């Protein structure tokens, strides 16, 4: 009987230690994402300024900057998902839908810029990919709308 109590005590201590280490790792991940997002934003501003000062084409420079800024937003959404998980120990669905929407918009922009220099043979493939991104954005926005509406409905039912 005493042996079982000692084993249970050790198991609880090990579990607490693992939980604390996990929290430290999660906080480290959150700070790393914040640093990466900040560094990418600084790089984007620097790179855009350099490209404009060198007289590079404005349209391509700004499109690249928009893609990089959207990547920063994606990283920040992942950061807030990690922070939310640290606080609540549950993973919300909404940030993943937002990340998917932003990623699809980013892909749509990338494919759209390819049409400028594409051969007639490549245009069909690019147009198909643009369509796929457009449909996926539409479906993801509908899913996000349904998620938010259902959350409001559940909150109203609970009141």
N, C-alpha and C. Protein backbone atom coordinates (compact mmCIF):
# COMPACT_ATOMS: atom_id res chain seq x y z
N UNK A 1 0.81 -1.18 0.00
CA UNK A 1 0.00 0.00 0.00
C UNK A 1 0.87 1.26 0.00
N UNK A 2 1.88 1.27 0.87
CA UNK A 2 2.80 2.41 0.94
C UNK A 2 3.58 2.55 -0.36
N UNK A 3 3.94 1.44 -0.97
CA UNK A 3 4.67 1.43 -2.24
C UNK A 3 3.84 2.09 -3.34
N UNK A 4 2.53 1.82 -3.36
CA UNK A 4 1.64 2.41 -4.35
C UNK A 4 1.56 3.92 -4.19
N UNK A 5 1.52 4.42 -2.95
CA UNK A 5 1.48 5.85 -2.69
C UNK A 5 2.75 6.54 -3.17
N UNK A 6 3.89 5.90 -2.94
CA UNK A 6 5.17 6.45 -3.37
C UNK A 6 5.23 6.51 -4.90
N UNK A 7 4.78 5.44 -5.57
CA UNK A 7 4.78 5.41 -7.03
C UNK A 7 3.84 6.48 -7.59
N UNK A 8 2.67 6.63 -6.99
CA UNK A 8 1.71 7.64 -7.42
C UNK A 8 2.29 9.03 -7.23
N UNK A 9 2.97 9.25 -6.12
CA UNK A 9 3.62 10.54 -5.85
C UNK A 9 4.66 10.84 -6.92
N UNK A 10 5.48 9.86 -7.28
CA UNK A 10 6.51 10.06 -8.31
C UNK A 10 5.89 10.31 -9.68
N UNK A 11 4.81 9.59 -9.98
CA UNK A 11 4.13 9.79 -11.27
C UNK A 11 3.57 11.21 -11.37
N UNK A 12 3.00 11.72 -10.29
CA UNK A 12 2.47 13.08 -10.29
C UNK A 12 3.59 14.10 -10.46
N UNK A 13 4.72 13.87 -9.81
CA UNK A 13 5.85 14.79 -9.94
C UNK A 13 6.41 14.78 -11.36
N UNK A 14 6.50 13.60 -11.95
CA UNK A 14 6.98 13.49 -13.33
C UNK A 14 6.01 14.19 -14.28
N UNK A 15 4.72 13.99 -14.05
CA UNK A 15 3.71 14.64 -14.89
C UNK A 15 3.80 16.16 -14.77
N UNK A 16 3.97 16.66 -13.56
CA UNK A 16 4.11 18.12 -13.36
C UNK A 16 5.36 18.64 -14.07
N UNK A 17 6.46 17.90 -13.96
CA UNK A 17 7.70 18.31 -14.61
C UNK A 17 7.53 18.35 -16.12
N UNK A 18 6.91 17.33 -16.68
CA UNK A 18 6.66 17.28 -18.13
C UNK A 18 5.78 18.45 -18.54
N UNK A 19 4.75 18.74 -17.75
CA UNK A 19 3.85 19.86 -18.04
C UNK A 19 4.61 21.19 -18.04
N UNK A 20 5.48 21.39 -17.07
CA UNK A 20 6.26 22.63 -17.00
C UNK A 20 7.23 22.75 -18.18
N UNK A 21 7.87 21.66 -18.53
CA UNK A 21 8.79 21.67 -19.68
C UNK A 21 8.01 21.96 -20.96
N UNK A 22 6.82 21.36 -21.09
CA UNK A 22 6.00 21.61 -22.27
C UNK A 22 5.61 23.08 -22.38
N UNK A 23 5.24 23.70 -21.26
CA UNK A 23 4.89 25.12 -21.26
C UNK A 23 6.09 25.97 -21.66
N UNK A 24 7.26 25.63 -21.15
CA UNK A 24 8.48 26.37 -21.51
C UNK A 24 8.74 26.25 -23.02
N UNK A 25 8.57 25.05 -23.56
CA UNK A 25 8.77 24.85 -25.01
C UNK A 25 7.75 25.65 -25.80
N UNK A 26 6.49 25.63 -25.37
CA UNK A 26 5.45 26.38 -26.08
C UNK A 26 5.73 27.88 -26.04
N UNK A 27 6.15 28.39 -24.90
CA UNK A 27 6.49 29.81 -24.80
C UNK A 27 7.69 30.13 -25.67
N UNK A 28 8.66 29.24 -25.73
CA UNK A 28 9.82 29.44 -26.61
C UNK A 28 9.40 29.47 -28.07
N UNK A 29 8.47 28.60 -28.44
CA UNK A 29 7.95 28.59 -29.81
C UNK A 29 7.25 29.91 -30.11
N UNK A 30 6.45 30.40 -29.15
CA UNK A 30 5.73 31.66 -29.35
C UNK A 30 6.72 32.82 -29.55
N UNK A 31 7.74 32.90 -28.72
CA UNK A 31 8.72 33.97 -28.88
C UNK A 31 9.50 33.83 -30.18
N UNK A 32 9.80 32.60 -30.57
CA UNK A 32 10.49 32.37 -31.84
C UNK A 32 9.66 32.84 -33.02
N UNK A 33 8.36 32.52 -32.98
CA UNK A 33 7.47 32.99 -34.05
C UNK A 33 7.40 34.51 -34.09
N UNK A 34 7.39 35.13 -32.93
CA UNK A 34 7.35 36.59 -32.87
C UNK A 34 8.63 37.19 -33.46
N UNK A 35 9.76 36.62 -33.12
CA UNK A 35 11.04 37.10 -33.66
C UNK A 35 11.10 36.89 -35.17
N UNK A 36 10.66 35.73 -35.63
CA UNK A 36 10.67 35.44 -37.08
C UNK A 36 9.76 36.42 -37.82
N UNK A 37 8.56 36.66 -37.28
CA UNK A 37 7.63 37.60 -37.93
C UNK A 37 8.24 39.00 -37.97
N UNK A 38 8.85 39.43 -36.88
CA UNK A 38 9.48 40.75 -36.85
C UNK A 38 10.64 40.85 -37.83
N UNK A 39 11.47 39.82 -37.86
CA UNK A 39 12.62 39.82 -38.77
C UNK A 39 12.16 39.82 -40.23
N UNK A 40 11.13 39.06 -40.54
CA UNK A 40 10.62 39.03 -41.90
C UNK A 40 10.02 40.37 -42.30
N UNK A 41 9.35 41.02 -41.37
CA UNK A 41 8.78 42.33 -41.66
C UNK A 41 9.89 43.36 -41.92
N UNK A 42 10.91 43.34 -41.09
CA UNK A 42 12.04 44.25 -41.28
C UNK A 42 12.72 43.96 -42.62
N UNK A 43 12.93 42.69 -42.93
CA UNK A 43 13.53 42.32 -44.21
C UNK A 43 12.67 42.79 -45.38
N UNK A 44 11.35 42.64 -45.26
CA UNK A 44 10.44 43.06 -46.33
C UNK A 44 10.54 44.56 -46.57
N UNK A 45 10.56 45.32 -45.50
CA UNK A 45 10.69 46.78 -45.65
C UNK A 45 12.03 47.13 -46.28
N UNK A 46 13.10 46.50 -45.80
CA UNK A 46 14.44 46.76 -46.34
C UNK A 46 14.50 46.38 -47.82
N UNK A 47 14.03 45.17 -48.14
CA UNK A 47 14.10 44.67 -49.51
C UNK A 47 13.27 45.55 -50.45
N UNK A 48 12.07 45.93 -50.02
CA UNK A 48 11.22 46.79 -50.85
C UNK A 48 11.89 48.12 -51.10
N UNK A 49 12.45 48.71 -50.06
CA UNK A 49 13.14 49.99 -50.21
C UNK A 49 14.31 49.86 -51.16
N UNK A 50 15.09 48.80 -51.01
CA UNK A 50 16.25 48.58 -51.88
C UNK A 50 15.82 48.43 -53.35
N UNK A 51 14.77 47.63 -53.56
CA UNK A 51 14.30 47.40 -54.93
C UNK A 51 13.81 48.70 -55.56
N UNK A 52 13.10 49.50 -54.81
CA UNK A 52 12.59 50.77 -55.35
C UNK A 52 13.72 51.75 -55.62
N UNK A 53 14.71 51.79 -54.74
CA UNK A 53 15.85 52.70 -54.94
C UNK A 53 16.70 52.28 -56.14
N UNK A 54 16.72 50.98 -56.43
CA UNK A 54 17.49 50.49 -57.57
C UNK A 54 16.70 50.65 -58.87
N UNK A 55 15.48 51.13 -58.76
CA UNK A 55 14.68 51.36 -59.96
C UNK A 55 14.01 50.11 -60.51
N UNK A 56 13.87 49.10 -59.68
CA UNK A 56 13.19 47.87 -60.14
C UNK A 56 11.72 48.17 -60.40
N UNK A 57 11.08 47.29 -61.13
CA UNK A 57 9.68 47.49 -61.48
C UNK A 57 8.83 47.55 -60.22
N UNK A 58 8.04 48.59 -60.12
CA UNK A 58 7.26 48.86 -58.91
C UNK A 58 6.21 47.77 -58.67
N UNK A 59 5.53 47.35 -59.71
CA UNK A 59 4.45 46.38 -59.56
C UNK A 59 4.98 45.07 -58.95
N UNK A 60 6.06 44.53 -59.53
CA UNK A 60 6.61 43.27 -59.02
C UNK A 60 7.13 43.45 -57.59
N UNK A 61 7.74 44.59 -57.32
CA UNK A 61 8.27 44.85 -55.99
C UNK A 61 7.15 44.88 -54.96
N UNK A 62 6.07 45.58 -55.28
CA UNK A 62 4.96 45.67 -54.33
C UNK A 62 4.23 44.34 -54.18
N UNK A 63 4.09 43.60 -55.25
CA UNK A 63 3.43 42.29 -55.15
C UNK A 63 4.25 41.37 -54.26
N UNK A 64 5.55 41.37 -54.42
CA UNK A 64 6.43 40.56 -53.56
C UNK A 64 6.30 41.02 -52.11
N UNK A 65 6.22 42.33 -51.91
CA UNK A 65 6.07 42.86 -50.55
C UNK A 65 4.75 42.42 -49.93
N UNK A 66 3.69 42.46 -50.72
CA UNK A 66 2.38 42.03 -50.21
C UNK A 66 2.42 40.55 -49.84
N UNK A 67 3.06 39.73 -50.66
CA UNK A 67 3.18 38.31 -50.34
C UNK A 67 3.95 38.11 -49.04
N UNK A 68 5.03 38.87 -48.87
CA UNK A 68 5.81 38.74 -47.63
C UNK A 68 5.01 39.21 -46.42
N UNK A 69 4.25 40.28 -46.57
CA UNK A 69 3.43 40.78 -45.46
C UNK A 69 2.34 39.77 -45.12
N UNK A 70 1.75 39.14 -46.13
CA UNK A 70 0.76 38.10 -45.85
C UNK A 70 1.40 36.92 -45.11
N UNK A 71 2.66 36.61 -45.43
CA UNK A 71 3.36 35.56 -44.70
C UNK A 71 3.57 35.97 -43.24
N UNK A 72 3.88 37.24 -42.99
CA UNK A 72 4.01 37.73 -41.62
C UNK A 72 2.67 37.55 -40.89
N UNK A 73 1.58 37.88 -41.56
CA UNK A 73 0.25 37.73 -40.94
C UNK A 73 -0.02 36.26 -40.61
N UNK A 74 0.36 35.36 -41.52
CA UNK A 74 0.18 33.93 -41.27
C UNK A 74 0.98 33.50 -40.04
N UNK A 75 2.21 33.96 -39.94
CA UNK A 75 3.06 33.62 -38.79
C UNK A 75 2.43 34.15 -37.50
N UNK A 76 1.90 35.37 -37.55
CA UNK A 76 1.26 35.94 -36.36
C UNK A 76 -0.01 35.17 -35.98
N UNK A 77 -0.77 34.70 -36.96
CA UNK A 77 -1.94 33.87 -36.67
C UNK A 77 -1.52 32.57 -35.99
N UNK A 78 -0.44 31.98 -36.47
CA UNK A 78 0.08 30.77 -35.82
C UNK A 78 0.53 31.09 -34.40
N UNK A 79 1.17 32.24 -34.23
CA UNK A 79 1.61 32.67 -32.90
C UNK A 79 0.41 32.76 -31.95
N UNK A 80 -0.67 33.42 -32.40
CA UNK A 80 -1.84 33.57 -31.53
C UNK A 80 -2.54 32.24 -31.28
N UNK A 81 -2.42 31.31 -32.20
CA UNK A 81 -2.96 29.97 -31.96
C UNK A 81 -2.16 29.28 -30.86
N UNK A 82 -0.84 29.43 -30.89
CA UNK A 82 0.01 28.85 -29.85
C UNK A 82 -0.29 29.51 -28.50
N UNK A 83 -0.43 30.84 -28.49
CA UNK A 83 -0.74 31.55 -27.25
C UNK A 83 -2.09 31.10 -26.70
N UNK A 84 -3.07 30.97 -27.58
CA UNK A 84 -4.40 30.50 -27.17
C UNK A 84 -4.32 29.10 -26.58
N UNK A 85 -3.50 28.25 -27.19
CA UNK A 85 -3.34 26.89 -26.67
C UNK A 85 -2.68 26.90 -25.30
N UNK A 86 -1.68 27.76 -25.13
CA UNK A 86 -1.00 27.85 -23.83
C UNK A 86 -1.99 28.27 -22.75
N UNK A 87 -2.87 29.22 -23.08
CA UNK A 87 -3.83 29.73 -22.09
C UNK A 87 -4.97 28.76 -21.81
N UNK A 88 -5.50 28.14 -22.85
CA UNK A 88 -6.72 27.34 -22.66
C UNK A 88 -6.53 25.84 -22.81
N UNK A 89 -5.39 25.41 -23.30
CA UNK A 89 -5.11 24.01 -23.58
C UNK A 89 -6.12 23.39 -24.55
N UNK A 90 -6.64 24.24 -25.43
CA UNK A 90 -7.50 23.76 -26.52
C UNK A 90 -7.11 24.50 -27.79
N UNK A 91 -7.30 23.85 -28.90
CA UNK A 91 -6.90 24.45 -30.17
C UNK A 91 -8.17 24.91 -30.89
N UNK A 92 -8.31 26.24 -31.08
CA UNK A 92 -9.49 26.73 -31.78
C UNK A 92 -9.37 26.51 -33.29
N UNK A 93 -10.50 26.35 -33.95
CA UNK A 93 -10.52 26.10 -35.39
C UNK A 93 -10.34 27.39 -36.19
N UNK A 94 -10.88 28.50 -35.69
CA UNK A 94 -10.91 29.76 -36.44
C UNK A 94 -9.55 30.22 -36.97
N UNK A 95 -8.48 30.20 -36.16
CA UNK A 95 -7.19 30.66 -36.70
C UNK A 95 -6.71 29.83 -37.89
N UNK A 96 -7.02 28.55 -37.90
CA UNK A 96 -6.59 27.72 -39.02
C UNK A 96 -7.35 28.07 -40.30
N UNK A 97 -8.63 28.41 -40.14
CA UNK A 97 -9.39 28.86 -41.31
C UNK A 97 -8.83 30.18 -41.82
N UNK A 98 -8.49 31.08 -40.92
CA UNK A 98 -7.93 32.37 -41.32
C UNK A 98 -6.58 32.17 -42.01
N UNK A 99 -5.75 31.30 -41.45
CA UNK A 99 -4.45 31.00 -42.06
C UNK A 99 -4.65 30.43 -43.46
N UNK A 100 -5.61 29.53 -43.61
CA UNK A 100 -5.87 28.93 -44.92
C UNK A 100 -6.37 29.97 -45.92
N UNK A 101 -7.22 30.89 -45.47
CA UNK A 101 -7.71 31.95 -46.34
C UNK A 101 -6.55 32.83 -46.80
N UNK A 102 -5.73 33.25 -45.85
CA UNK A 102 -4.59 34.11 -46.20
C UNK A 102 -3.63 33.39 -47.13
N UNK A 103 -3.38 32.11 -46.87
CA UNK A 103 -2.50 31.33 -47.74
C UNK A 103 -3.06 31.22 -49.16
N UNK A 104 -4.36 31.03 -49.26
CA UNK A 104 -4.99 30.95 -50.58
C UNK A 104 -4.93 32.29 -51.31
N UNK A 105 -5.13 33.38 -50.58
CA UNK A 105 -5.00 34.71 -51.18
C UNK A 105 -3.57 34.92 -51.67
N UNK A 106 -2.63 34.49 -50.85
CA UNK A 106 -1.21 34.59 -51.23
C UNK A 106 -0.93 33.78 -52.51
N UNK A 107 -1.48 32.57 -52.57
CA UNK A 107 -1.32 31.74 -53.76
C UNK A 107 -1.99 32.34 -54.98
N UNK A 108 -3.15 32.95 -54.77
CA UNK A 108 -3.86 33.61 -55.86
C UNK A 108 -3.03 34.77 -56.42
N UNK A 109 -2.44 35.55 -55.52
CA UNK A 109 -1.59 36.66 -55.96
C UNK A 109 -0.39 36.14 -56.73
N UNK A 110 0.24 35.09 -56.22
CA UNK A 110 1.41 34.51 -56.88
C UNK A 110 1.05 34.02 -58.28
N UNK A 111 -0.06 33.30 -58.40
CA UNK A 111 -0.47 32.79 -59.71
C UNK A 111 -0.83 33.94 -60.66
N UNK A 112 -1.46 34.96 -60.12
CA UNK A 112 -1.84 36.11 -60.95
C UNK A 112 -0.61 36.80 -61.54
N UNK A 113 0.45 36.89 -60.76
CA UNK A 113 1.66 37.55 -61.27
C UNK A 113 2.35 36.69 -62.33
N UNK A 114 2.14 35.39 -62.29
CA UNK A 114 2.75 34.51 -63.29
C UNK A 114 2.14 34.72 -64.67
N UNK A 115 0.91 35.22 -64.72
CA UNK A 115 0.25 35.40 -66.03
C UNK A 115 0.94 36.46 -66.86
N UNK A 116 1.65 37.37 -66.22
CA UNK A 116 2.32 38.46 -66.94
C UNK A 116 3.37 37.92 -67.91
N UNK A 117 4.13 36.94 -67.46
CA UNK A 117 5.25 36.43 -68.25
C UNK A 117 4.99 35.03 -68.81
N UNK A 118 3.76 34.55 -68.68
CA UNK A 118 3.47 33.17 -69.09
C UNK A 118 3.27 33.05 -70.60
N UNK A 119 3.62 31.90 -71.09
CA UNK A 119 3.36 31.60 -72.49
C UNK A 119 1.88 31.21 -72.64
N UNK A 120 1.35 31.25 -73.86
CA UNK A 120 -0.06 30.87 -74.04
C UNK A 120 -0.37 29.46 -73.54
N UNK A 121 0.60 28.57 -73.62
CA UNK A 121 0.42 27.19 -73.15
C UNK A 121 0.27 27.15 -71.62
N UNK A 122 0.98 28.00 -70.91
CA UNK A 122 0.96 28.00 -69.45
C UNK A 122 -0.27 28.72 -68.87
N UNK A 123 -0.88 29.58 -69.65
CA UNK A 123 -2.00 30.38 -69.17
C UNK A 123 -3.15 29.51 -68.67
N UNK A 124 -3.45 28.42 -69.38
CA UNK A 124 -4.54 27.54 -68.97
C UNK A 124 -4.29 26.97 -67.57
N UNK A 125 -3.09 26.47 -67.34
CA UNK A 125 -2.74 25.90 -66.04
C UNK A 125 -2.81 26.96 -64.94
N UNK A 126 -2.28 28.12 -65.23
CA UNK A 126 -2.30 29.21 -64.25
C UNK A 126 -3.74 29.63 -63.95
N UNK A 127 -4.57 29.75 -65.00
CA UNK A 127 -5.97 30.12 -64.80
C UNK A 127 -6.70 29.07 -63.96
N UNK A 128 -6.39 27.82 -64.18
CA UNK A 128 -6.99 26.74 -63.39
C UNK A 128 -6.59 26.87 -61.92
N UNK A 129 -5.32 27.13 -61.67
CA UNK A 129 -4.85 27.30 -60.29
C UNK A 129 -5.47 28.53 -59.64
N UNK A 130 -5.63 29.62 -60.40
CA UNK A 130 -6.29 30.81 -59.87
C UNK A 130 -7.73 30.47 -59.49
N UNK A 131 -8.40 29.72 -60.34
CA UNK A 131 -9.77 29.30 -60.05
C UNK A 131 -9.85 28.44 -58.81
N UNK A 132 -8.92 27.52 -58.66
CA UNK A 132 -8.90 26.65 -57.48
C UNK A 132 -8.70 27.48 -56.21
N UNK A 133 -7.76 28.44 -56.27
CA UNK A 133 -7.55 29.32 -55.11
C UNK A 133 -8.81 30.13 -54.82
N UNK A 134 -9.45 30.64 -55.86
CA UNK A 134 -10.67 31.42 -55.67
C UNK A 134 -11.78 30.62 -55.02
N UNK A 135 -11.99 29.41 -55.51
CA UNK A 135 -13.03 28.54 -54.94
C UNK A 135 -12.68 28.17 -53.49
N UNK A 136 -11.41 27.87 -53.25
CA UNK A 136 -11.03 27.51 -51.88
C UNK A 136 -11.22 28.69 -50.94
N UNK A 137 -10.92 29.90 -51.39
CA UNK A 137 -11.15 31.09 -50.56
C UNK A 137 -12.63 31.21 -50.24
N UNK A 138 -13.46 31.06 -51.25
CA UNK A 138 -14.91 31.15 -51.05
C UNK A 138 -15.39 30.11 -50.05
N UNK A 139 -14.97 28.86 -50.21
CA UNK A 139 -15.39 27.80 -49.29
C UNK A 139 -14.89 28.04 -47.86
N UNK A 140 -13.66 28.51 -47.74
CA UNK A 140 -13.10 28.79 -46.42
C UNK A 140 -13.82 29.95 -45.74
N UNK A 141 -14.17 30.97 -46.50
CA UNK A 141 -14.92 32.10 -45.93
C UNK A 141 -16.31 31.63 -45.48
N UNK A 142 -16.96 30.78 -46.26
CA UNK A 142 -18.25 30.23 -45.87
C UNK A 142 -18.10 29.40 -44.58
N UNK A 143 -17.06 28.59 -44.51
CA UNK A 143 -16.81 27.79 -43.31
C UNK A 143 -16.58 28.69 -42.09
N UNK A 144 -15.82 29.76 -42.28
CA UNK A 144 -15.56 30.71 -41.19
C UNK A 144 -16.87 31.38 -40.75
N UNK A 145 -17.69 31.75 -41.71
CA UNK A 145 -18.99 32.37 -41.41
C UNK A 145 -19.87 31.40 -40.60
N UNK A 146 -19.93 30.16 -41.04
CA UNK A 146 -20.74 29.15 -40.34
C UNK A 146 -20.20 28.94 -38.93
N UNK A 147 -18.89 28.87 -38.79
CA UNK A 147 -18.29 28.68 -37.47
C UNK A 147 -18.66 29.83 -36.54
N UNK A 148 -18.54 31.05 -37.02
CA UNK A 148 -18.87 32.20 -36.18
C UNK A 148 -20.36 32.27 -35.86
N UNK A 149 -21.20 31.97 -36.84
CA UNK A 149 -22.65 31.96 -36.60
C UNK A 149 -23.02 30.88 -35.59
N UNK A 150 -22.43 29.70 -35.72
CA UNK A 150 -22.75 28.62 -34.80
C UNK A 150 -22.28 28.95 -33.39
N UNK A 151 -21.16 29.64 -33.27
CA UNK A 151 -20.67 30.05 -31.96
C UNK A 151 -21.66 31.02 -31.31
N UNK A 152 -22.16 31.98 -32.11
CA UNK A 152 -23.15 32.93 -31.59
C UNK A 152 -24.44 32.21 -31.19
N UNK A 153 -24.84 31.26 -32.02
CA UNK A 153 -26.06 30.50 -31.73
C UNK A 153 -25.90 29.72 -30.43
N UNK A 154 -24.77 29.09 -30.25
CA UNK A 154 -24.52 28.32 -29.02
C UNK A 154 -24.49 29.25 -27.82
N UNK A 155 -23.87 30.42 -27.96
CA UNK A 155 -23.83 31.38 -26.86
C UNK A 155 -25.22 31.88 -26.51
N UNK A 156 -26.07 32.10 -27.52
CA UNK A 156 -27.43 32.55 -27.27
C UNK A 156 -28.25 31.45 -26.58
N UNK A 157 -28.02 30.22 -26.95
CA UNK A 157 -28.74 29.10 -26.35
C UNK A 157 -28.36 28.92 -24.88
N UNK A 158 -27.09 29.24 -24.57
CA UNK A 158 -26.60 29.07 -23.21
C UNK A 158 -27.05 30.18 -22.28
N UNK A 159 -27.55 31.29 -22.82
CA UNK A 159 -27.94 32.44 -22.00
C UNK A 159 -29.34 32.33 -21.49
